[in-house]
Protein backbone atom coordinates (compact mmCIF):
# COMPACT_ATOMS: atom_id res chain seq x y z
CA UNK A 1 3.12 -13.04 19.57
CA UNK A 2 5.42 -10.06 19.63
CA UNK A 3 4.63 -6.99 17.54
CA UNK A 4 7.71 -7.38 15.34
CA UNK A 5 6.51 -10.79 14.17
CA UNK A 6 3.14 -9.48 12.92
CA UNK A 7 2.91 -9.33 9.14
CA UNK A 8 1.87 -6.09 7.52
CA UNK A 9 -0.19 -7.12 4.51
CA UNK A 10 -1.84 -5.27 1.64
CA UNK A 11 -4.02 -6.64 -1.14
CA UNK A 12 -4.20 -5.52 -4.76
CA UNK A 13 -7.75 -6.04 -6.03
CA UNK A 14 -9.83 -4.43 -8.80
CA UNK A 15 -7.41 -1.56 -9.36
CA UNK A 16 -7.18 -0.69 -5.69
CA UNK A 17 -4.68 -1.26 -2.92
CA UNK A 18 -6.59 -2.53 0.11
CA UNK A 19 -4.99 -1.85 3.50
CA UNK A 20 -6.45 -3.81 6.44
CA UNK A 21 -7.08 -1.79 9.62
CA UNK A 22 -4.31 -3.72 11.44
CA UNK A 23 -1.75 -2.76 8.78
CA UNK A 24 -2.95 0.85 8.70
CA UNK A 25 -2.74 1.22 12.49
CA UNK A 26 0.66 -0.43 12.62
CA UNK A 27 2.50 1.42 9.85
CA UNK A 28 0.39 4.17 8.26
CA UNK A 29 -1.55 5.79 11.12
CA UNK A 30 -1.08 9.55 10.91
CA UNK A 31 -0.38 9.51 7.17
CA UNK A 32 -3.46 10.54 5.14
CA UNK A 33 -1.86 9.80 1.76
CA UNK A 34 0.81 7.74 0.03
CA UNK A 35 2.86 7.79 -3.15
CA UNK A 36 3.30 4.62 -5.21
CA UNK A 37 6.50 4.16 -7.20
CA UNK A 38 7.81 1.38 -9.42
CA UNK A 39 11.53 0.68 -9.38
CA UNK A 40 13.64 -2.19 -10.71
CA UNK A 41 13.54 -3.87 -7.31
CA UNK A 42 9.77 -3.72 -6.83
CA UNK A 43 6.89 -1.42 -5.97
CA UNK A 44 7.25 1.17 -3.22
CA UNK A 45 4.64 2.72 -0.93
CA UNK A 46 5.79 6.03 0.56
CA UNK A 47 3.74 7.47 3.47
CA UNK A 48 2.99 11.20 3.03
CA UNK A 49 1.97 13.87 5.53
CA UNK A 50 -1.07 16.10 4.98
CA UNK A 51 -0.58 18.66 2.22
CA UNK A 52 2.09 16.64 0.42
CA UNK A 53 -0.26 15.40 -2.29
CA UNK A 54 -0.32 11.76 -3.31
CA UNK A 55 -3.06 9.15 -3.24
CA UNK A 56 -5.57 9.42 -0.40
CA UNK A 57 -6.02 6.57 2.09
CA UNK A 58 -9.83 6.42 2.18
CA UNK A 59 -11.57 4.69 5.08
CA UNK A 60 -13.56 1.81 3.63
CA UNK A 61 -15.59 0.52 6.56
CA UNK A 62 -16.26 0.83 10.31
CA UNK A 63 -13.41 -1.60 11.05
CA UNK A 64 -10.97 1.00 9.77
CA UNK A 65 -9.80 -0.77 6.62
CA UNK A 66 -8.42 1.68 4.05
CA UNK A 67 -8.33 1.69 0.25
CA UNK A 68 -6.11 3.51 -2.22
CA UNK A 69 -7.42 4.13 -5.75
CA UNK A 70 -4.40 2.90 -7.72
CA UNK A 71 -5.81 2.00 -11.15
CA UNK A 72 -3.42 4.22 -13.12
CA UNK A 73 -0.35 2.94 -11.27
CA UNK A 74 -1.38 -0.71 -11.46
CA UNK A 75 -2.31 -0.56 -15.15
CA UNK A 76 1.10 0.99 -15.91
CA UNK A 77 2.57 -2.08 -14.21
CA UNK A 78 0.56 -4.53 -16.30
CA UNK A 79 -2.00 -5.33 -13.59
CA UNK A 80 -5.48 -5.48 -15.11
CA UNK A 81 -8.51 -4.49 -13.00
CA UNK A 82 -10.01 -7.96 -13.59
CA UNK A 83 -6.91 -9.83 -12.42
CA UNK A 84 -7.16 -12.16 -9.44
CA UNK A 85 -6.46 -10.48 -6.07
CA UNK A 86 -2.81 -10.49 -4.96
CA UNK A 87 -1.62 -10.20 -1.35
CA UNK A 88 1.78 -8.77 -0.43
CA UNK A 89 3.79 -8.07 2.71
CA UNK A 90 5.10 -4.56 3.26
CA UNK A 91 8.83 -4.52 4.02
CA UNK A 92 10.20 -1.28 5.48
CA UNK A 93 13.45 0.08 4.06
CA UNK A 94 14.96 2.53 6.55
CA UNK A 95 17.30 4.01 3.94
CA UNK A 96 14.38 4.99 1.72
CA UNK A 97 11.79 5.65 4.41
CA UNK A 98 9.36 3.59 2.35
CA UNK A 99 7.71 0.17 2.19
CA UNK A 100 8.60 -2.29 -0.55
CA UNK A 101 5.92 -4.64 -1.86
CA UNK A 102 4.78 -6.30 -5.05
CA UNK A 103 6.75 -7.27 -8.04
CA UNK A 104 8.68 -5.86 -10.93
CA UNK A 105 7.44 -5.75 -14.48
């Protein structure tokens, strides 16, 4: 399987954005934080360099999975903490330098 065909997945669960180690290593390695934005065309994850602020990518386990505390963002988008987990693919937009995922309101 060639690298371009690998899916980059994230999961929204219990007010957090879970980033598997494979996704982190493939698209977010070297970025300690992200910004989350909601636009008409979906949700956006923007990788941020150290010192730029944002939401920290915390290492969750020895495998290297990461988690982003996103309760405030998700609640503003109508996603309750008790909602069933949702899995999304990250789609890179070169024009925005960001990854699109999720849904609109």
